[in-house]
Amino acid sequence: MPTPEDLAELAASRAQASVTARPTVPALEAMLHTPIPCLDHGFVRVVDYMGDDGAVVQAARVSYGKGTRQVNEDRGLIRYLMRHRHTTPFEMCEIKVHVKLPIFVARQWIRHRTASVNEISARYSVLDREFYLPRPEDLAVQSANNKQGRGEVLEAESAARVLALLRRDATTAYGTYEQLLEDEGLARELARMNLPVSWYTQWYWKIDLHNLLHFLALRIDPHAQYEIRVYGEALAQVARAWVPLCWEAFEDYRIGGAHLSRQMLQVVRGMLEGRVTGFAESGLSKREWDELMALLGRGA
């Protein structure tokens, strides 16, 4: 969680009120500079934003031109844009957040290359003694059928041993870090090399709404790693307050909807017409067939 110094800085930021002629969102204004806790020491904090639902509508209507059909209702237009994947109007909104997160989560996060990022530099700053320790219920064995996922949760005794090992190694590593800095006078840019990826880093992250929604579509999915999903849920909370009409359309068409291949559509049409289409004649792989049957609630 934020240090006392961080909290003082946040309180000062919240105390600064500005008069502006630009559109603002009261629900998001109320969240400005307030950290949303994530994991044991992390957070997401909204620093600034530009645009709202109206900015998306405004951008879309500009491109229509005179004499073309107008969509009068903002919600209907936003849903049309989302449904037909017209992405550029959603790029008219931007948001900047301050994030504190474990390094291994940051390495997943940074794969989304459609944002501007400025990370704290351990070449200039001495890192705090803050590392991520999972909750016992979040410790699990390797999944038997998913090469990058978790399986059954560890038994209590095993979880306790794992946590003790993780805490021991992190504590030892930080002790070495301090020794290298203080006793040996080693340069910060070198002393940091021994710290594990469980260590917390911080960055400012600025992204437009279209790319934020793409990030969230992947990172709040149940298959995403738990630790980054926590941050995804925090950002989803922000987006829901910021652009409620866009968020509603996103939930309906991206999160709750489905995209079917040509072969999948043929199977569905066959079912609707009363024709029996089995896996063998579907033209689908076994995995695609199982996914379609699960989607339709028919089992494998």
Protein backbone atom coordinates (compact mmCIF):
# COMPACT_ATOMS: atom_id res chain seq x y z
CA MET A 1 0.00 0.00 0.00
CA PRO A 2 1.08 3.66 -0.36
CA THR A 3 3.67 4.95 2.12
CA PRO A 4 2.85 7.91 4.41
CA GLU A 5 4.76 10.12 1.98
CA ASP A 6 2.68 8.76 -0.91
CA LEU A 7 -0.53 9.42 1.00
CA ALA A 8 0.52 13.00 1.74
CA GLU A 9 1.25 13.56 -1.94
CA LEU A 10 -2.09 12.03 -2.93
CA ALA A 11 -3.95 14.21 -0.43
CA ALA A 12 -2.24 17.29 -1.88
CA SER A 13 -3.22 16.24 -5.40
CA ARG A 14 -6.84 15.74 -4.42
CA ALA A 15 -6.92 19.11 -2.71
CA GLN A 16 -6.05 20.90 -5.95
CA ALA A 17 -9.26 21.90 -7.68
CA SER A 18 -9.26 23.30 -11.22
CA VAL A 19 -11.92 25.07 -13.24
CA THR A 20 -12.12 23.69 -16.77
CA ALA A 21 -14.22 24.17 -19.88
CA ARG A 22 -13.63 20.62 -21.09
CA PRO A 23 -16.13 17.77 -20.51
CA THR A 24 -15.70 15.98 -17.21
CA VAL A 25 -17.21 12.83 -15.73
CA PRO A 26 -18.34 13.27 -12.10
CA ALA A 27 -18.02 9.56 -11.29
CA LEU A 28 -14.42 9.54 -12.50
CA GLU A 29 -13.62 12.90 -10.93
CA ALA A 30 -14.52 11.32 -7.60
CA MET A 31 -11.93 8.59 -8.23
CA LEU A 32 -9.04 10.88 -9.22
CA HIS A 33 -5.86 10.35 -7.18
CA THR A 34 -7.52 7.67 -5.04
CA PRO A 35 -5.58 4.37 -5.17
CA ILE A 36 -7.56 1.20 -5.87
CA PRO A 37 -5.70 -1.49 -3.87
CA CYS A 38 -4.33 -4.44 -5.87
CA LEU A 39 -2.65 -7.54 -4.41
CA ASP A 40 -0.71 -6.94 -1.19
CA HIS A 41 1.18 -3.69 -1.93
CA GLY A 42 -0.05 -2.57 -5.35
CA PHE A 43 -2.61 -0.10 -6.62
CA VAL A 44 -4.12 1.60 -9.66
CA ARG A 45 -4.67 5.36 -9.41
CA VAL A 46 -6.31 7.60 -12.03
CA VAL A 47 -4.14 10.65 -12.64
CA ASP A 48 -5.86 12.33 -15.60
CA TYR A 49 -8.23 11.67 -18.48
CA MET A 50 -9.59 13.24 -21.65
CA GLY A 51 -13.01 12.66 -23.20
CA ASP A 52 -16.13 10.74 -22.27
CA ASP A 53 -18.96 8.85 -23.99
CA GLY A 54 -19.86 12.09 -25.76
CA ALA A 55 -16.38 12.35 -27.31
CA VAL A 56 -16.86 8.96 -28.96
CA VAL A 57 -20.24 10.01 -30.36
CA GLN A 58 -18.88 13.38 -31.51
CA ALA A 59 -15.99 11.79 -33.38
CA ALA A 60 -18.26 9.27 -35.11
CA ARG A 61 -20.78 11.87 -36.23
CA VAL A 62 -18.12 14.16 -37.71
CA SER A 63 -17.16 11.42 -40.17
CA TYR A 64 -20.70 10.96 -41.49
CA GLY A 65 -20.92 14.16 -43.53
CA LYS A 66 -24.02 15.97 -44.77
CA GLY A 67 -26.86 14.02 -46.29
CA THR A 68 -25.96 10.73 -44.62
CA ARG A 69 -28.17 8.92 -42.16
CA GLN A 70 -27.78 10.21 -38.58
CA VAL A 71 -28.01 8.07 -35.45
CA ASN A 72 -29.78 10.29 -32.95
CA GLU A 73 -29.33 8.35 -29.80
CA ASP A 74 -25.84 8.24 -28.27
CA ARG A 75 -26.27 4.78 -26.80
CA GLY A 76 -27.44 3.32 -30.09
CA LEU A 77 -24.53 4.85 -31.99
CA ILE A 78 -21.96 3.62 -29.46
CA ARG A 79 -23.43 0.12 -29.63
CA TYR A 80 -23.34 0.26 -33.44
CA LEU A 81 -19.68 1.29 -33.37
CA MET A 82 -18.78 -1.49 -30.94
CA ARG A 83 -20.83 -4.09 -32.79
CA HIS A 84 -19.24 -3.32 -36.15
CA ARG A 85 -15.72 -2.77 -34.75
CA HIS A 86 -15.40 0.87 -35.78
CA THR A 87 -12.47 1.55 -33.50
CA THR A 88 -11.19 5.06 -34.25
CA PRO A 89 -13.97 6.96 -32.41
CA PHE A 90 -12.95 5.14 -29.23
CA GLU A 91 -9.40 6.41 -29.70
CA MET A 92 -10.65 9.96 -29.01
CA CYS A 93 -10.66 9.24 -25.26
CA GLU A 94 -7.47 8.82 -23.24
CA ILE A 95 -6.65 8.05 -19.64
CA LYS A 96 -3.48 8.15 -17.53
CA VAL A 97 -3.02 5.96 -14.48
CA HIS A 98 -0.31 5.47 -11.89
CA VAL A 99 0.24 1.77 -11.22
CA LYS A 100 2.26 -0.06 -8.61
CA LEU A 101 2.74 -3.72 -9.54
CA PRO A 102 5.12 -6.69 -9.25
CA ILE A 103 7.78 -6.84 -11.94
CA PHE A 104 6.54 -10.17 -13.32
CA VAL A 105 3.07 -8.64 -13.79
CA ALA A 106 4.66 -5.61 -15.45
CA ARG A 107 6.40 -7.90 -17.94
CA GLN A 108 3.03 -9.35 -18.99
CA TRP A 109 1.44 -5.90 -19.04
CA ILE A 110 4.13 -4.30 -21.22
CA ARG A 111 3.33 -6.73 -24.05
CA HIS A 112 0.45 -4.34 -24.80
CA ARG A 113 2.55 -1.95 -26.86
CA THR A 114 -0.24 0.56 -27.57
CA ALA A 115 0.33 2.81 -24.57
CA SER A 116 2.85 5.37 -23.34
CA VAL A 117 4.79 4.15 -20.32
CA ASN A 118 7.22 5.78 -17.92
CA GLU A 119 8.57 3.43 -15.24
CA ILE A 120 10.45 4.23 -12.06
CA SER A 121 14.18 3.79 -12.62
CA ALA A 122 16.23 1.81 -10.14
CA ARG A 123 19.26 3.50 -11.67
CA TYR A 124 18.22 6.70 -9.91
CA SER A 125 16.04 5.49 -7.02
CA VAL A 126 16.58 2.98 -4.23
CA LEU A 127 13.71 0.51 -4.32
CA ASP A 128 11.60 -0.05 -1.21
CA ARG A 129 11.49 -3.36 0.64
CA GLU A 130 8.23 -4.42 -0.99
CA PHE A 131 7.74 -7.73 -2.75
CA TYR A 132 4.65 -9.72 -3.66
CA LEU A 133 3.62 -12.71 -1.59
CA PRO A 134 0.55 -14.61 -2.83
CA ARG A 135 -2.29 -15.56 -0.54
CA PRO A 136 -2.26 -19.28 0.35
CA GLU A 137 -5.44 -19.80 -1.68
CA ASP A 138 -3.68 -18.45 -4.77
CA LEU A 139 -0.87 -21.01 -4.67
CA ALA A 140 -1.51 -23.92 -7.01
CA VAL A 141 0.33 -26.68 -8.84
CA GLN A 142 1.04 -26.60 -12.57
CA SER A 143 -2.06 -27.37 -14.62
CA ALA A 144 -2.07 -30.81 -16.22
CA ASN A 145 -3.70 -29.56 -19.45
CA ASN A 146 -2.63 -25.91 -19.64
CA LYS A 147 1.07 -25.26 -20.10
CA GLN A 148 0.81 -21.70 -18.75
CA GLY A 149 -1.87 -22.09 -16.09
CA ARG A 150 -2.54 -23.34 -12.58
CA GLY A 151 -4.21 -26.49 -11.41
CA GLU A 152 -5.30 -27.62 -7.95
CA VAL A 153 -4.65 -25.34 -4.98
CA LEU A 154 -1.82 -26.47 -2.72
CA GLU A 155 -2.57 -28.17 0.57
CA ALA A 156 -2.21 -25.88 3.60
CA GLU A 157 1.12 -27.35 4.76
CA SER A 158 2.63 -27.19 1.27
CA ALA A 159 1.39 -23.62 0.81
CA ALA A 160 3.02 -22.61 4.10
CA ARG A 161 6.36 -24.09 2.98
CA VAL A 162 6.15 -22.32 -0.38
CA LEU A 163 5.39 -18.96 1.25
CA ALA A 164 8.28 -19.42 3.67
CA LEU A 165 10.66 -20.10 0.78
CA LEU A 166 9.41 -17.11 -1.21
CA ARG A 167 9.71 -14.81 1.81
CA ARG A 168 13.18 -16.13 2.66
CA ASP A 169 14.54 -15.61 -0.85
CA ALA A 170 13.05 -12.14 -1.23
CA THR A 171 14.31 -11.02 2.16
CA THR A 172 17.78 -12.37 1.45
CA ALA A 173 17.86 -10.70 -1.95
CA TYR A 174 16.93 -7.32 -0.50
CA GLY A 175 19.53 -7.72 2.24
CA THR A 176 22.14 -8.30 -0.47
CA TYR A 177 20.82 -5.27 -2.38
CA GLU A 178 21.27 -3.07 0.71
CA GLN A 179 24.73 -4.48 1.34
CA LEU A 180 25.83 -3.81 -2.23
CA LEU A 181 24.56 -0.24 -2.02
CA GLU A 182 25.67 0.71 1.48
CA ASP A 183 28.71 -1.44 2.27
CA GLU A 184 30.22 -1.88 -1.16
CA GLY A 185 29.10 1.42 -2.67
CA LEU A 186 28.01 -0.38 -5.83
CA ALA A 187 26.17 1.68 -8.44
CA ARG A 188 22.37 1.44 -8.16
CA GLU A 189 22.10 0.28 -11.76
CA LEU A 190 24.20 -2.77 -10.83
CA ALA A 191 22.96 -3.44 -7.30
CA ARG A 192 19.38 -3.93 -8.54
CA MET A 193 20.26 -6.95 -10.70
CA ASN A 194 19.83 -9.44 -7.88
CA LEU A 195 16.24 -8.50 -6.99
CA PRO A 196 13.56 -11.05 -7.98
CA VAL A 197 10.62 -10.38 -10.30
CA SER A 198 8.31 -10.45 -7.27
CA TRP A 199 9.61 -6.94 -6.47
CA TYR A 200 7.27 -4.01 -6.93
CA THR A 201 7.82 -1.38 -9.58
CA GLN A 202 5.73 1.65 -10.52
CA TRP A 203 4.82 3.41 -13.73
CA TYR A 204 2.60 5.98 -15.34
CA TRP A 205 0.56 4.41 -18.14
CA LYS A 206 -1.40 6.45 -20.70
CA ILE A 207 -3.68 4.73 -23.21
CA ASP A 208 -6.66 5.49 -25.42
CA LEU A 209 -10.03 3.89 -24.79
CA HIS A 210 -9.94 1.54 -27.78
CA ASN A 211 -6.67 -0.01 -26.69
CA LEU A 212 -7.70 -0.03 -23.03
CA LEU A 213 -10.75 -2.12 -23.94
CA HIS A 214 -8.55 -4.50 -25.92
CA PHE A 215 -6.26 -4.80 -22.89
CA LEU A 216 -9.25 -5.54 -20.66
CA ALA A 217 -10.76 -8.08 -23.03
CA LEU A 218 -7.62 -10.16 -22.50
CA ARG A 219 -6.75 -9.33 -18.91
CA ILE A 220 -10.12 -9.74 -17.18
CA ASP A 221 -10.75 -12.99 -19.01
CA PRO A 222 -10.97 -15.94 -16.57
CA HIS A 223 -8.00 -17.55 -18.36
CA ALA A 224 -5.70 -14.59 -17.60
CA GLN A 225 -3.19 -15.00 -14.77
CA TYR A 226 -4.79 -14.09 -11.44
CA GLU A 227 -2.28 -11.39 -10.54
CA ILE A 228 -2.76 -9.34 -13.71
CA ARG A 229 -6.49 -10.02 -13.62
CA VAL A 230 -6.64 -8.15 -10.31
CA TYR A 231 -5.27 -5.07 -12.05
CA GLY A 232 -7.59 -5.65 -15.00
CA GLU A 233 -10.59 -5.62 -12.65
CA ALA A 234 -9.37 -2.36 -11.09
CA LEU A 235 -9.08 -0.76 -14.53
CA ALA A 236 -12.50 -2.15 -15.45
CA GLN A 237 -13.90 -0.35 -12.41
CA VAL A 238 -12.33 2.85 -13.71
CA ALA A 239 -13.64 2.37 -17.27
CA ARG A 240 -17.15 1.63 -16.01
CA ALA A 241 -17.22 4.95 -14.18
CA TRP A 242 -15.55 6.88 -17.02
CA VAL A 243 -17.54 5.77 -20.08
CA PRO A 244 -20.63 3.86 -18.91
CA LEU A 245 -22.26 3.67 -22.36
CA CYS A 246 -19.08 2.39 -23.99
CA TRP A 247 -18.58 -0.05 -21.14
CA GLU A 248 -22.10 -1.42 -21.50
CA ALA A 249 -21.54 -2.02 -25.23
CA PHE A 250 -18.13 -3.57 -24.52
CA GLU A 251 -19.63 -6.00 -21.99
CA ASP A 252 -22.44 -6.97 -24.36
CA TYR A 253 -20.45 -7.39 -27.58
CA ARG A 254 -16.91 -8.23 -26.45
CA ILE A 255 -17.10 -9.79 -22.99
CA GLY A 256 -20.52 -11.43 -23.19
CA GLY A 257 -20.59 -11.93 -26.95
CA ALA A 258 -18.84 -14.41 -29.22
CA HIS A 259 -17.11 -14.39 -32.60
CA LEU A 260 -17.82 -17.46 -34.74
CA SER A 261 -15.83 -18.73 -37.70
CA ARG A 262 -17.50 -19.59 -41.01
CA GLN A 263 -17.46 -23.30 -40.13
CA MET A 264 -18.94 -22.62 -36.69
CA LEU A 265 -21.76 -20.61 -38.25
CA GLN A 266 -22.49 -23.49 -40.62
CA VAL A 267 -22.83 -25.84 -37.65
CA VAL A 268 -25.19 -23.43 -35.86
CA ARG A 269 -27.29 -22.94 -39.01
CA GLY A 270 -27.51 -26.69 -39.40
CA MET A 271 -28.81 -27.01 -35.84
CA LEU A 272 -31.42 -24.29 -36.41
CA GLU A 273 -32.59 -26.00 -39.60
CA GLY A 274 -32.93 -29.34 -37.85
CA ARG A 275 -29.97 -30.95 -39.58
CA VAL A 276 -27.64 -33.03 -37.45
CA THR A 277 -24.06 -31.82 -37.84
CA GLY A 278 -21.48 -33.83 -35.94
CA PHE A 279 -17.84 -33.18 -35.26
CA ALA A 280 -16.66 -35.37 -38.15
CA GLU A 281 -18.46 -33.34 -40.82
CA SER A 282 -18.09 -29.92 -39.22
CA GLY A 283 -14.64 -29.12 -40.59
CA LEU A 284 -13.61 -27.95 -37.11
CA SER A 285 -10.66 -29.07 -35.04
CA LYS A 286 -11.50 -30.94 -31.84
CA ARG A 287 -10.64 -27.88 -29.77
CA GLU A 288 -12.83 -25.61 -31.93
CA TRP A 289 -15.70 -28.10 -31.72
CA ASP A 290 -15.44 -28.32 -27.92
CA GLU A 291 -15.32 -24.52 -27.66
CA LEU A 292 -18.43 -24.16 -29.83
CA MET A 293 -20.35 -26.81 -27.89
CA ALA A 294 -19.38 -25.14 -24.60
CA LEU A 295 -20.50 -21.80 -26.01
CA LEU A 296 -23.87 -23.28 -26.97
CA GLY A 297 -24.22 -25.01 -23.60
CA ARG A 298 -24.16 -28.48 -25.16
CA GLY A 299 -21.03 -29.87 -23.54
CA ALA A 300 -18.15 -31.54 -25.40
